[in-house]
Amino acid sequence: MAKSATGNRRSIIFVGLVLGMLVAVTNQTIVSPAMPVIVADLGGLEHYSWIATSTLLAVAVSVPVVGKLSDIYGRRGFYIAGLIIFMLGSILAGVAQGFWWLVVPVPSRVWVWVPSRRSP
């Protein structure tokens, strides 16, 4: 009985991790190629590098901080928080009315994969 409960728990954990990685892969395969068109429609093509810069800055700051905090307090809460922050950032990016409204929420979508990048 204990063996099947452990196997069921592992399956649930695996499905959760796969869904989180699906969000990150979707971001890279759909949003990234469409970004130049989106930026051009919002009238910020001359400032396009701000999106990449803000994303890299968010990664550089969040990976060590969230990684260390997830080592101390556990990864589950940070993983769920990362998914929520990703969804909120995606909503804010989707309703952006101008280029600078797009620059701020895009880095928040990086947080979804931060805790999952650390070794167990």
PDB file of N, CA and C in Angstrom:
ATOM      1  N   MET A   1       0.819  -1.195   0.000  1.00  0.00           N
ATOM      2  CA  MET A   1       0.000   0.000   0.000  1.00  0.00           C
ATOM      3  C   MET A   1       0.863   1.257   0.000  1.00  0.00           C
ATOM      4  N   ALA A   2       1.924   1.247   0.796  1.00  0.00           N
ATOM      5  CA  ALA A   2       2.785   2.430   0.873  1.00  0.00           C
ATOM      6  C   ALA A   2       3.507   2.658  -0.447  1.00  0.00           C
ATOM      7  N   LYS A   3       3.818   1.570  -1.138  1.00  0.00           N
ATOM      8  CA  LYS A   3       4.520   1.702  -2.407  1.00  0.00           C
ATOM      9  C   LYS A   3       3.656   2.392  -3.458  1.00  0.00           C
ATOM     10  N   SER A   4       2.367   2.065  -3.520  1.00  0.00           N
ATOM     11  CA  SER A   4       1.491   2.697  -4.506  1.00  0.00           C
ATOM     12  C   SER A   4       1.228   4.163  -4.157  1.00  0.00           C
ATOM     13  N   ALA A   5       1.178   4.475  -2.864  1.00  0.00           N
ATOM     14  CA  ALA A   5       0.984   5.867  -2.462  1.00  0.00           C
ATOM     15  C   ALA A   5       2.197   6.698  -2.851  1.00  0.00           C
ATOM     16  N   THR A   6       3.386   6.134  -2.707  1.00  0.00           N
ATOM     17  CA  THR A   6       4.610   6.833  -3.095  1.00  0.00           C
ATOM     18  C   THR A   6       4.653   7.015  -4.604  1.00  0.00           C
ATOM     19  N   GLY A   7       4.261   5.996  -5.344  1.00  0.00           N
ATOM     20  CA  GLY A   7       4.231   6.095  -6.799  1.00  0.00           C
ATOM     21  C   GLY A   7       3.222   7.121  -7.272  1.00  0.00           C
ATOM     22  N   ASN A   8       2.059   7.187  -6.626  1.00  0.00           N
ATOM     23  CA  ASN A   8       1.037   8.165  -6.976  1.00  0.00           C
ATOM     24  C   ASN A   8       1.535   9.579  -6.691  1.00  0.00           C
ATOM     25  N   ARG A   9       2.213   9.771  -5.560  1.00  0.00           N
ATOM     26  CA  ARG A   9       2.754  11.089  -5.210  1.00  0.00           C
ATOM     27  C   ARG A   9       3.819  11.510  -6.215  1.00  0.00           C
ATOM     28  N   ARG A  10       4.648  10.586  -6.626  1.00  0.00           N
ATOM     29  CA  ARG A  10       5.675  10.895  -7.630  1.00  0.00           C
ATOM     30  C   ARG A  10       5.043  11.292  -8.957  1.00  0.00           C
ATOM     31  N   SER A  11       3.974  10.620  -9.316  1.00  0.00           N
ATOM     32  CA  SER A  11       3.282  10.950 -10.571  1.00  0.00           C
ATOM     33  C   SER A  11       2.707  12.359 -10.523  1.00  0.00           C
ATOM     34  N   ILE A  12       2.123  12.722  -9.392  1.00  0.00           N
ATOM     35  CA  ILE A  12       1.554  14.062  -9.245  1.00  0.00           C
ATOM     36  C   ILE A  12       2.660  15.111  -9.308  1.00  0.00           C
ATOM     37  N   ILE A  13       3.771  14.864  -8.639  1.00  0.00           N
ATOM     38  CA  ILE A  13       4.903  15.789  -8.660  1.00  0.00           C
ATOM     39  C   ILE A  13       5.444  15.921 -10.082  1.00  0.00           C
ATOM     40  N   PHE A  14       5.572  14.807 -10.773  1.00  0.00           N
ATOM     41  CA  PHE A  14       6.081  14.829 -12.140  1.00  0.00           C
ATOM     42  C   PHE A  14       5.163  15.627 -13.065  1.00  0.00           C
ATOM     43  N   VAL A  15       3.863  15.430 -12.939  1.00  0.00           N
ATOM     44  CA  VAL A  15       2.910  16.171 -13.767  1.00  0.00           C
ATOM     45  C   VAL A  15       3.014  17.674 -13.476  1.00  0.00           C
ATOM     46  N   GLY A  16       3.154  18.043 -12.208  1.00  0.00           N
ATOM     47  CA  GLY A  16       3.308  19.452 -11.851  1.00  0.00           C
ATOM     48  C   GLY A  16       4.563  20.057 -12.450  1.00  0.00           C
ATOM     49  N   LEU A  17       5.667  19.326 -12.399  1.00  0.00           N
ATOM     50  CA  LEU A  17       6.911  19.821 -12.981  1.00  0.00           C
ATOM     51  C   LEU A  17       6.814  19.936 -14.502  1.00  0.00           C
ATOM     52  N   VAL A  18       6.188  18.965 -15.131  1.00  0.00           N
ATOM     53  CA  VAL A  18       6.043  19.007 -16.582  1.00  0.00           C
ATOM     54  C   VAL A  18       5.160  20.188 -17.005  1.00  0.00           C
ATOM     55  N   LEU A  19       4.100  20.447 -16.260  1.00  0.00           N
ATOM     56  CA  LEU A  19       3.235  21.588 -16.591  1.00  0.00           C
ATOM     57  C   LEU A  19       3.981  22.909 -16.430  1.00  0.00           C
ATOM     58  N   GLY A  20       4.806  23.004 -15.397  1.00  0.00           N
ATOM     59  CA  GLY A  20       5.613  24.205 -15.220  1.00  0.00           C
ATOM     60  C   GLY A  20       6.602  24.406 -16.351  1.00  0.00           C
ATOM     61  N   MET A  21       7.236  23.339 -16.780  1.00  0.00           N
ATOM     62  CA  MET A  21       8.174  23.433 -17.898  1.00  0.00           C
ATOM     63  C   MET A  21       7.440  23.724 -19.198  1.00  0.00           C
ATOM     64  N   LEU A  22       6.203  23.247 -19.334  1.00  0.00           N
ATOM     65  CA  LEU A  22       5.405  23.556 -20.514  1.00  0.00           C
ATOM     66  C   LEU A  22       5.165  25.067 -20.617  1.00  0.00           C
ATOM     67  N   VAL A  23       4.927  25.700 -19.483  1.00  0.00           N
ATOM     68  CA  VAL A  23       4.743  27.154 -19.472  1.00  0.00           C
ATOM     69  C   VAL A  23       6.012  27.843 -19.960  1.00  0.00           C
ATOM     70  N   ALA A  24       7.171  27.412 -19.459  1.00  0.00           N
ATOM     71  CA  ALA A  24       8.439  28.025 -19.867  1.00  0.00           C
ATOM     72  C   ALA A  24       8.725  27.785 -21.349  1.00  0.00           C
ATOM     73  N   VAL A  25       8.463  26.575 -21.829  1.00  0.00           N
ATOM     74  CA  VAL A  25       8.703  26.258 -23.242  1.00  0.00           C
ATOM     75  C   VAL A  25       7.759  27.059 -24.132  1.00  0.00           C
ATOM     76  N   THR A  26       6.516  27.191 -23.713  1.00  0.00           N
ATOM     77  CA  THR A  26       5.560  27.992 -24.475  1.00  0.00           C
ATOM     78  C   THR A  26       6.037  29.428 -24.595  1.00  0.00           C
ATOM     79  N   ASN A  27       6.573  29.950 -23.507  1.00  0.00           N
ATOM     80  CA  ASN A  27       7.103  31.309 -23.524  1.00  0.00           C
ATOM     81  C   ASN A  27       8.217  31.434 -24.559  1.00  0.00           C
ATOM     82  N   GLN A  28       9.097  30.466 -24.617  1.00  0.00           N
ATOM     83  CA  GLN A  28      10.239  30.546 -25.521  1.00  0.00           C
ATOM     84  C   GLN A  28       9.863  30.286 -26.976  1.00  0.00           C
ATOM     85  N   THR A  29       8.905  29.420 -27.228  1.00  0.00           N
ATOM     86  CA  THR A  29       8.608  29.051 -28.611  1.00  0.00           C
ATOM     87  C   THR A  29       7.514  29.892 -29.263  1.00  0.00           C
ATOM     88  N   ILE A  30       6.664  30.521 -28.470  1.00  0.00           N
ATOM     89  CA  ILE A  30       5.578  31.309 -29.046  1.00  0.00           C
ATOM     90  C   ILE A  30       5.808  32.800 -28.862  1.00  0.00           C
ATOM     91  N   VAL A  31       6.089  33.210 -27.645  1.00  0.00           N
ATOM     92  CA  VAL A  31       6.197  34.637 -27.357  1.00  0.00           C
ATOM     93  C   VAL A  31       7.480  35.232 -27.934  1.00  0.00           C
ATOM     94  N   SER A  32       8.593  34.569 -27.775  1.00  0.00           N
ATOM     95  CA  SER A  32       9.868  35.136 -28.232  1.00  0.00           C
ATOM     96  C   SER A  32       9.906  35.425 -29.725  1.00  0.00           C
ATOM     97  N   PRO A  33       9.481  34.499 -30.598  1.00  0.00           N
ATOM     98  CA  PRO A  33       9.481  34.840 -32.030  1.00  0.00           C
ATOM     99  C   PRO A  33       8.478  35.939 -32.387  1.00  0.00           C
ATOM    100  N   ALA A  34       7.397  36.063 -31.629  1.00  0.00           N
ATOM    101  CA  ALA A  34       6.391  37.080 -31.923  1.00  0.00           C
ATOM    102  C   ALA A  34       6.737  38.440 -31.321  1.00  0.00           C
ATOM    103  N   MET A  35       7.737  38.492 -30.452  1.00  0.00           N
ATOM    104  CA  MET A  35       8.050  39.734 -29.747  1.00  0.00           C
ATOM    105  C   MET A  35       8.362  40.911 -30.667  1.00  0.00           C
ATOM    106  N   PRO A  36       9.137  40.759 -31.746  1.00  0.00           N
ATOM    107  CA  PRO A  36       9.385  41.926 -32.606  1.00  0.00           C
ATOM    108  C   PRO A  36       8.102  42.525 -33.194  1.00  0.00           C
ATOM    109  N   VAL A  37       7.159  41.686 -33.567  1.00  0.00           N
ATOM    110  CA  VAL A  37       5.897  42.182 -34.121  1.00  0.00           C
ATOM    111  C   VAL A  37       5.084  42.891 -33.043  1.00  0.00           C
ATOM    112  N   ILE A  38       5.066  42.318 -31.845  1.00  0.00           N
ATOM    113  CA  ILE A  38       4.326  42.926 -30.742  1.00  0.00           C
ATOM    114  C   ILE A  38       4.915  44.286 -30.403  1.00  0.00           C
ATOM    115  N   VAL A  39       6.242  44.344 -30.304  1.00  0.00           N
ATOM    116  CA  VAL A  39       6.918  45.607 -29.970  1.00  0.00           C
ATOM    117  C   VAL A  39       6.681  46.650 -31.054  1.00  0.00           C
ATOM    118  N   ALA A  40       6.722  46.237 -32.305  1.00  0.00           N
ATOM    119  CA  ALA A  40       6.475  47.173 -33.402  1.00  0.00           C
ATOM    120  C   ALA A  40       5.046  47.716 -33.349  1.00  0.00           C
ATOM    121  N   ASP A  41       4.069  46.861 -33.035  1.00  0.00           N
ATOM    122  CA  ASP A  41       2.679  47.304 -32.929  1.00  0.00           C
ATOM    123  C   ASP A  41       2.479  48.293 -31.786  1.00  0.00           C
ATOM    124  N   LEU A  42       3.284  48.140 -30.727  1.00  0.00           N
ATOM    125  CA  LEU A  42       3.164  49.038 -29.579  1.00  0.00           C
ATOM    126  C   LEU A  42       4.016  50.294 -29.739  1.00  0.00           C
ATOM    127  N   GLY A  43       4.743  50.390 -30.840  1.00  0.00           N
ATOM    128  CA  GLY A  43       5.503  51.593 -31.136  1.00  0.00           C
ATOM    129  C   GLY A  43       6.797  51.736 -30.359  1.00  0.00           C
ATOM    130  N   GLY A  44       7.461  50.643 -30.057  1.00  0.00           N
ATOM    131  CA  GLY A  44       8.697  50.745 -29.287  1.00  0.00           C
ATOM    132  C   GLY A  44       9.858  50.008 -29.912  1.00  0.00           C
ATOM    133  N   LEU A  45       9.854  49.871 -31.228  1.00  0.00           N
ATOM    134  CA  LEU A  45      10.886  49.075 -31.885  1.00  0.00           C
ATOM    135  C   LEU A  45      12.293  49.618 -31.640  1.00  0.00           C
ATOM    136  N   GLU A  46      12.427  50.941 -31.506  1.00  0.00           N
ATOM    137  CA  GLU A  46      13.760  51.508 -31.277  1.00  0.00           C
ATOM    138  C   GLU A  46      14.276  51.184 -29.870  1.00  0.00           C
ATOM    139  N   HIS A  47      13.395  50.749 -28.957  1.00  0.00           N
ATOM    140  CA  HIS A  47      13.788  50.393 -27.589  1.00  0.00           C
ATOM    141  C   HIS A  47      13.656  48.886 -27.344  1.00  0.00           C
ATOM    142  N   TYR A  48      13.685  48.104 -28.396  1.00  0.00           N
ATOM    143  CA  TYR A  48      13.457  46.664 -28.302  1.00  0.00           C
ATOM    144  C   TYR A  48      14.422  45.975 -27.328  1.00  0.00           C
ATOM    145  N   SER A  49      15.643  46.461 -27.243  1.00  0.00           N
ATOM    146  CA  SER A  49      16.636  45.826 -26.377  1.00  0.00           C
ATOM    147  C   SER A  49      16.281  45.926 -24.895  1.00  0.00           C
ATOM    148  N   TRP A  50      15.387  46.839 -24.523  1.00  0.00           N
ATOM    149  CA  TRP A  50      14.982  46.956 -23.125  1.00  0.00           C
ATOM    150  C   TRP A  50      14.310  45.687 -22.626  1.00  0.00           C
ATOM    151  N   ILE A  51      13.599  44.996 -23.498  1.00  0.00           N
ATOM    152  CA  ILE A  51      12.909  43.774 -23.082  1.00  0.00           C
ATOM    153  C   ILE A  51      13.927  42.695 -22.732  1.00  0.00           C
ATOM    154  N   ALA A  52      14.905  42.504 -23.584  1.00  0.00           N
ATOM    155  CA  ALA A  52      15.942  41.505 -23.297  1.00  0.00           C
ATOM    156  C   ALA A  52      16.761  41.901 -22.072  1.00  0.00           C
ATOM    157  N   THR A  53      17.082  43.178 -21.954  1.00  0.00           N
ATOM    158  CA  THR A  53      17.865  43.646 -20.813  1.00  0.00           C
ATOM    159  C   THR A  53      17.106  43.455 -19.508  1.00  0.00           C
ATOM    160  N   SER A  54      15.837  43.795 -19.487  1.00  0.00           N
ATOM    161  CA  SER A  54      15.051  43.633 -18.260  1.00  0.00           C
ATOM    162  C   SER A  54      14.879  42.157 -17.902  1.00  0.00           C
ATOM    163  N   THR A  55      14.753  41.299 -18.900  1.00  0.00           N
ATOM    164  CA  THR A  55      14.648  39.862 -18.641  1.00  0.00           C
ATOM    165  C   THR A  55      15.950  39.324 -18.070  1.00  0.00           C
ATOM    166  N   LEU A  56      17.083  39.695 -18.658  1.00  0.00           N
ATOM    167  CA  LEU A  56      18.377  39.234 -18.149  1.00  0.00           C
ATOM    168  C   LEU A  56      18.636  39.752 -16.736  1.00  0.00           C
ATOM    169  N   LEU A  57      18.253  40.973 -16.469  1.00  0.00           N
ATOM    170  CA  LEU A  57      18.410  41.529 -15.131  1.00  0.00           C
ATOM    171  C   LEU A  57      17.556  40.760 -14.124  1.00  0.00           C
ATOM    172  N   ALA A  58      16.331  40.445 -14.503  1.00  0.00           N
ATOM    173  CA  ALA A  58      15.452  39.678 -13.616  1.00  0.00           C
ATOM    174  C   ALA A  58      16.028  38.294 -13.326  1.00  0.00           C
ATOM    175  N   VAL A  59      16.597  37.648 -14.338  1.00  0.00           N
ATOM    176  CA  VAL A  59      17.207  36.334 -14.146  1.00  0.00           C
ATOM    177  C   VAL A  59      18.425  36.433 -13.240  1.00  0.00           C
ATOM    178  N   ALA A  60      19.274  37.432 -13.490  1.00  0.00           N
ATOM    179  CA  ALA A  60      20.506  37.581 -12.710  1.00  0.00           C
ATOM    180  C   ALA A  60      20.214  37.832 -11.236  1.00  0.00           C
ATOM    181  N   VAL A  61      19.142  38.523 -10.942  1.00  0.00           N
ATOM    182  CA  VAL A  61      18.795  38.815  -9.552  1.00  0.00           C
ATOM    183  C   VAL A  61      18.016  37.666  -8.922  1.00  0.00           C
ATOM    184  N   SER A  62      17.057  37.119  -9.654  1.00  0.00           N
ATOM    185  CA  SER A  62      16.137  36.160  -9.050  1.00  0.00           C
ATOM    186  C   SER A  62      16.709  34.757  -8.880  1.00  0.00           C
ATOM    187  N   VAL A  63      17.569  34.295  -9.762  1.00  0.00           N
ATOM    188  CA  VAL A  63      18.074  32.924  -9.654  1.00  0.00           C
ATOM    189  C   VAL A  63      18.818  32.695  -8.341  1.00  0.00           C
ATOM    190  N   PRO A  64      19.821  33.514  -7.985  1.00  0.00           N
ATOM    191  CA  PRO A  64      20.489  33.236  -6.714  1.00  0.00           C
ATOM    192  C   PRO A  64      19.608  33.474  -5.489  1.00  0.00           C
ATOM    193  N   VAL A  65      18.772  34.510  -5.521  1.00  0.00           N
ATOM    194  CA  VAL A  65      17.941  34.826  -4.355  1.00  0.00           C
ATOM    195  C   VAL A  65      16.878  33.751  -4.142  1.00  0.00           C
ATOM    196  N   VAL A  66      16.112  33.468  -5.170  1.00  0.00           N
ATOM    197  CA  VAL A  66      15.048  32.473  -5.043  1.00  0.00           C
ATOM    198  C   VAL A  66      15.637  31.081  -4.858  1.00  0.00           C
ATOM    199  N   GLY A  67      16.762  30.805  -5.489  1.00  0.00           N
ATOM    200  CA  GLY A  67      17.420  29.510  -5.295  1.00  0.00           C
ATOM    201  C   GLY A  67      17.810  29.283  -3.848  1.00  0.00           C
ATOM    202  N   LYS A  68      18.419  30.279  -3.223  1.00  0.00           N
ATOM    203  CA  LYS A  68      18.826  30.143  -1.821  1.00  0.00           C
ATOM    204  C   LYS A  68      17.612  30.055  -0.901  1.00  0.00           C
ATOM    205  N   LEU A  69      16.616  30.914  -1.137  1.00  0.00           N
ATOM    206  CA  LEU A  69      15.410  30.863  -0.312  1.00  0.00           C
ATOM    207  C   LEU A  69      14.671  29.538  -0.470  1.00  0.00           C
ATOM    208  N   SER A  70      14.666  28.978  -1.672  1.00  0.00           N
ATOM    209  CA  SER A  70      14.001  27.683  -1.860  1.00  0.00           C
ATOM    210  C   SER A  70      14.795  26.550  -1.213  1.00  0.00           C
ATOM    211  N   ASP A  71      16.115  26.701  -1.102  1.00  0.00           N
ATOM    212  CA  ASP A  71      16.903  25.725  -0.351  1.00  0.00           C
ATOM    213  C   ASP A  71      16.537  25.754   1.132  1.00  0.00           C
ATOM    214  N   ILE A  72      16.286  26.943   1.645  1.00  0.00           N
ATOM    215  CA  ILE A  72      15.985  27.101   3.066  1.00  0.00           C
ATOM    216  C   ILE A  72      14.536  26.721   3.376  1.00  0.00           C
ATOM    217  N   TYR A  73      13.584  27.225   2.598  1.00  0.00           N
ATOM    218  CA  TYR A  73      12.168  27.070   2.920  1.00  0.00           C
ATOM    219  C   TYR A  73      11.433  26.024   2.091  1.00  0.00           C
ATOM    220  N   GLY A  74      12.082  25.431   1.132  1.00  0.00           N
ATOM    221  CA  GLY A  74      11.432  24.427   0.294  1.00  0.00           C
ATOM    222  C   GLY A  74      11.028  25.000  -1.057  1.00  0.00           C
ATOM    223  N   ARG A  75      11.005  24.154  -2.064  1.00  0.00           N
ATOM    224  CA  ARG A  75      10.786  24.612  -3.425  1.00  0.00           C
ATOM    225  C   ARG A  75       9.314  24.745  -3.806  1.00  0.00           C
ATOM    226  N   ARG A  76       8.464  24.009  -3.122  1.00  0.00           N
ATOM    227  CA  ARG A  76       7.060  23.969  -3.544  1.00  0.00           C
ATOM    228  C   ARG A  76       6.407  25.352  -3.547  1.00  0.00           C
ATOM    229  N   GLY A  77       6.531  26.084  -2.469  1.00  0.00           N
ATOM    230  CA  GLY A  77       5.917  27.406  -2.381  1.00  0.00           C
ATOM    231  C   GLY A  77       6.474  28.371  -3.413  1.00  0.00           C
ATOM    232  N   PHE A  78       7.776  28.309  -3.633  1.00  0.00           N
ATOM    233  CA  PHE A  78       8.394  29.196  -4.615  1.00  0.00           C
ATOM    234  C   PHE A  78       7.990  28.809  -6.032  1.00  0.00           C
ATOM    235  N   TYR A  79       7.831  27.521  -6.267  1.00  0.00           N
ATOM    236  CA  TYR A  79       7.400  27.055  -7.585  1.00  0.00           C
ATOM    237  C   TYR A  79       5.984  27.538  -7.889  1.00  0.00           C
ATOM    238  N   ILE A  80       5.094  27.402  -6.918  1.00  0.00           N
ATOM    239  CA  ILE A  80       3.714  27.861  -7.099  1.00  0.00           C
ATOM    240  C   ILE A  80       3.673  29.382  -7.242  1.00  0.00           C
ATOM    241  N   ALA A  81       4.452  30.082  -6.408  1.00  0.00           N
ATOM    242  CA  ALA A  81       4.510  31.544  -6.509  1.00  0.00           C
ATOM    243  C   ALA A  81       5.046  31.967  -7.876  1.00  0.00           C
ATOM    244  N   GLY A  82       6.030  31.240  -8.387  1.00  0.00           N
ATOM    245  CA  GLY A  82       6.571  31.548  -9.709  1.00  0.00           C
ATOM    246  C   GLY A  82       5.536  31.389 -10.804  1.00  0.00           C
ATOM    247  N   LEU A  83       4.724  30.342 -10.713  1.00  0.00           N
ATOM    248  CA  LEU A  83       3.659  30.152 -11.703  1.00  0.00           C
ATOM    249  C   LEU A  83       2.626  31.275 -11.622  1.00  0.00           C
ATOM    250  N   ILE A  84       2.284  31.684 -10.406  1.00  0.00           N
ATOM    251  CA  ILE A  84       1.306  32.771 -10.243  1.00  0.00           C
ATOM    252  C   ILE A  84       1.871  34.078 -10.782  1.00  0.00           C
ATOM    253  N   ILE A  85       3.133  34.374 -10.453  1.00  0.00           N
ATOM    254  CA  ILE A  85       3.771  35.600 -10.954  1.00  0.00           C
ATOM    255  C   ILE A  85       3.845  35.565 -12.478  1.00  0.00           C
ATOM    256  N   PHE A  86       4.148  34.396 -13.034  1.00  0.00           N
ATOM    257  CA  PHE A  86       4.184  34.253 -14.489  1.00  0.00           C
ATOM    258  C   PHE A  86       2.834  34.577 -15.107  1.00  0.00           C
ATOM    259  N   MET A  87       1.770  34.027 -14.517  1.00  0.00           N
ATOM    260  CA  MET A  87       0.435  34.273 -15.064  1.00  0.00           C
ATOM    261  C   MET A  87       0.052  35.748 -14.959  1.00  0.00           C
ATOM    262  N   LEU A  88       0.335  36.368 -13.814  1.00  0.00           N
ATOM    263  CA  LEU A  88       0.031  37.795 -13.662  1.00  0.00           C
ATOM    264  C   LEU A  88       0.843  38.641 -14.645  1.00  0.00           C
ATOM    265  N   GLY A  89       2.124  38.313 -14.812  1.00  0.00           N
ATOM    266  CA  GLY A  89       2.952  39.031 -15.783  1.00  0.00           C
ATOM    267  C   GLY A  89       2.454  38.854 -17.202  1.00  0.00           C
ATOM    268  N   SER A  90       1.990  37.660 -17.529  1.00  0.00           N
ATOM    269  CA  SER A  90       1.443  37.414 -18.862  1.00  0.00           C
ATOM    270  C   SER A  90       0.168  38.211 -19.095  1.00  0.00           C
ATOM    271  N   ILE A  91      -0.675  38.292 -18.079  1.00  0.00           N
ATOM    272  CA  ILE A  91      -1.906  39.076 -18.205  1.00  0.00           C
ATOM    273  C   ILE A  91      -1.568  40.546 -18.400  1.00  0.00           C
ATOM    274  N   LEU A  92      -0.635  41.060 -17.587  1.00  0.00           N
ATOM    275  CA  LEU A  92      -0.243  42.462 -17.722  1.00  0.00           C
ATOM    276  C   LEU A  92       0.386  42.740 -19.085  1.00  0.00           C
ATOM    277  N   ALA A  93       1.212  41.811 -19.574  1.00  0.00           N
ATOM    278  CA  ALA A  93       1.807  41.988 -20.902  1.00  0.00           C
ATOM    279  C   ALA A  93       0.739  41.930 -21.988  1.00  0.00           C
ATOM    280  N   GLY A  94      -0.267  41.088 -21.786  1.00  0.00           N
ATOM    281  CA  GLY A  94      -1.328  40.962 -22.779  1.00  0.00           C
ATOM    282  C   GLY A  94      -2.221  42.190 -22.894  1.00  0.00           C
ATOM    283  N   VAL A  95      -2.374  42.921 -21.810  1.00  0.00           N
ATOM    284  CA  VAL A  95      -3.228  44.110 -21.841  1.00  0.00           C
ATOM    285  C   VAL A  95      -2.414  45.398 -21.988  1.00  0.00           C
ATOM    286  N   ALA A  96      -1.140  45.271 -22.310  1.00  0.00           N
ATOM    287  CA  ALA A  96      -0.272  46.446 -22.444  1.00  0.00           C
ATOM    288  C   ALA A  96      -0.794  47.371 -23.535  1.00  0.00           C
ATOM    289  N   GLN A  97      -0.870  48.646 -23.212  1.00  0.00           N
ATOM    290  CA  GLN A  97      -1.339  49.646 -24.161  1.00  0.00           C
ATOM    291  C   GLN A  97      -0.198  50.389 -24.837  1.00  0.00           C
ATOM    292  N   GLY A  98       0.997  50.194 -24.342  1.00  0.00           N
ATOM    293  CA  GLY A  98       2.168  50.849 -24.915  1.00  0.00           C
ATOM    294  C   GLY A  98       3.409  50.036 -24.612  1.00  0.00           C
ATOM    295  N   PHE A  99       4.505  50.427 -25.229  1.00  0.00           N
ATOM    296  CA  PHE A  99       5.747  49.666 -25.093  1.00  0.00           C
ATOM    297  C   PHE A  99       6.216  49.592 -23.647  1.00  0.00           C
ATOM    298  N   TRP A 100       6.209  50.692 -22.923  1.00  0.00           N
ATOM    299  CA  TRP A 100       6.739  50.689 -21.555  1.00  0.00           C
ATOM    300  C   TRP A 100       5.854  49.885 -20.616  1.00  0.00           C
ATOM    301  N   TRP A 101       4.585  49.728 -20.951  1.00  0.00           N
ATOM    302  CA  TRP A 101       3.728  48.832 -20.173  1.00  0.00           C
ATOM    303  C   TRP A 101       4.128  47.378 -20.414  1.00  0.00           C
ATOM    304  N   LEU A 102       4.770  47.113 -21.525  1.00  0.00           N
ATOM    305  CA  LEU A 102       5.219  45.759 -21.844  1.00  0.00           C
ATOM    306  C   LEU A 102       6.547  45.437 -21.183  1.00  0.00           C
ATOM    307  N   VAL A 103       7.423  46.415 -21.017  1.00  0.00           N
ATOM    308  CA  VAL A 103       8.770  46.168 -20.479  1.00  0.00           C
ATOM    309  C   VAL A 103       8.712  45.680 -19.039  1.00  0.00           C
ATOM    310  N   VAL A 104       7.816  46.202 -18.235  1.00  0.00           N
ATOM    311  CA  VAL A 104       7.770  45.849 -16.815  1.00  0.00           C
ATOM    312  C   VAL A 104       7.293  44.416 -16.564  1.00  0.00           C
ATOM    313  N   PRO A 105       6.177  43.941 -17.143  1.00  0.00           N
ATOM    314  CA  PRO A 105       5.732  42.592 -16.799  1.00  0.00           C
ATOM    315  C   PRO A 105       6.519  41.459 -17.452  1.00  0.00           C
ATOM    316  N   VAL A 106       7.224  41.696 -18.517  1.00  0.00           N
ATOM    317  CA  VAL A 106       7.925  40.601 -19.195  1.00  0.00           C
ATOM    318  C   VAL A 106       8.939  39.915 -18.286  1.00  0.00           C
ATOM    319  N   PRO A 107       9.770  40.636 -17.518  1.00  0.00           N
ATOM    320  CA  PRO A 107      10.707  39.927 -16.640  1.00  0.00           C
ATOM    321  C   PRO A 107      10.023  39.089 -15.570  1.00  0.00           C
ATOM    322  N   SER A 108       8.817  39.433 -15.166  1.00  0.00           N
ATOM    323  CA  SER A 108       8.141  38.651 -14.141  1.00  0.00           C
ATOM    324  C   SER A 108       7.817  37.245 -14.634  1.00  0.00           C
ATOM    325  N   ARG A 109       7.766  37.064 -15.934  1.00  0.00           N
ATOM    326  CA  ARG A 109       7.480  35.736 -16.469  1.00  0.00           C
ATOM    327  C   ARG A 109       8.682  34.822 -16.391  1.00  0.00           C
ATOM    328  N   VAL A 110       9.850  35.357 -16.038  1.00  0.00           N
ATOM    329  CA  VAL A 110      11.053  34.544 -15.889  1.00  0.00           C
ATOM    330  C   VAL A 110      10.980  33.698 -14.632  1.00  0.00           C
ATOM    331  N   TRP A 111      10.298  34.159 -13.602  1.00  0.00           N
ATOM    332  CA  TRP A 111      10.308  33.526 -12.288  1.00  0.00           C
ATOM    333  C   TRP A 111       9.748  32.123 -12.295  1.00  0.00           C
ATOM    334  N   VAL A 112       9.008  31.728 -13.306  1.00  0.00           N
ATOM    335  CA  VAL A 112       8.373  30.412 -13.290  1.00  0.00           C
ATOM    336  C   VAL A 112       9.393  29.285 -13.241  1.00  0.00           C
ATOM    337  N   TRP A 113      10.541  29.465 -13.852  1.00  0.00           N
ATOM    338  CA  TRP A 113      11.470  28.349 -13.910  1.00  0.00           C
ATOM    339  C   TRP A 113      12.629  28.488 -12.947  1.00  0.00           C
ATOM    340  N   VAL A 114      12.689  29.530 -12.150  1.00  0.00           N
ATOM    341  CA  VAL A 114      13.824  29.728 -11.241  1.00  0.00           C
ATOM    342  C   VAL A 114      13.978  28.590 -10.245  1.00  0.00           C
ATOM    343  N   PRO A 115      12.944  28.211  -9.445  1.00  0.00           N
ATOM    344  CA  PRO A 115      13.166  27.129  -8.485  1.00  0.00           C
ATOM    345  C   PRO A 115      13.440  25.789  -9.148  1.00  0.00           C
ATOM    346  N   SER A 116      12.928  25.563 -10.332  1.00  0.00           N
ATOM    347  CA  SER A 116      13.131  24.274 -10.977  1.00  0.00           C
ATOM    348  C   SER A 116      14.513  24.120 -11.572  1.00  0.00           C
ATOM    349  N   ARG A 117      15.276  25.209 -11.710  1.00  0.00           N
ATOM    350  CA  ARG A 117      16.621  25.138 -12.260  1.00  0.00           C
ATOM    351  C   ARG A 117      17.652  24.652 -11.244  1.00  0.00           C
ATOM    352  N   ARG A 118      17.332  24.740  -9.975  1.00  0.00           N
ATOM    353  CA  ARG A 118      18.262  24.315  -8.938  1.00  0.00           C
ATOM    354  C   ARG A 118      18.251  22.802  -8.824  1.00  0.00           C
ATOM    355  N   SER A 119      19.367  22.238  -8.400  1.00  0.00           N
ATOM    356  CA  SER A 119      19.423  20.791  -8.221  1.00  0.00           C
ATOM    357  C   SER A 119      18.673  20.399  -6.944  1.00  0.00           C
ATOM    358  N   PRO A 120      18.085  19.204  -6.895  1.00  0.00           N
ATOM    359  CA  PRO A 120      17.268  18.802  -5.734  1.00  0.00           C
ATOM    360  C   PRO A 120      18.036  18.610  -4.463  1.00  0.00           C
TER     361      PRO A 120
END
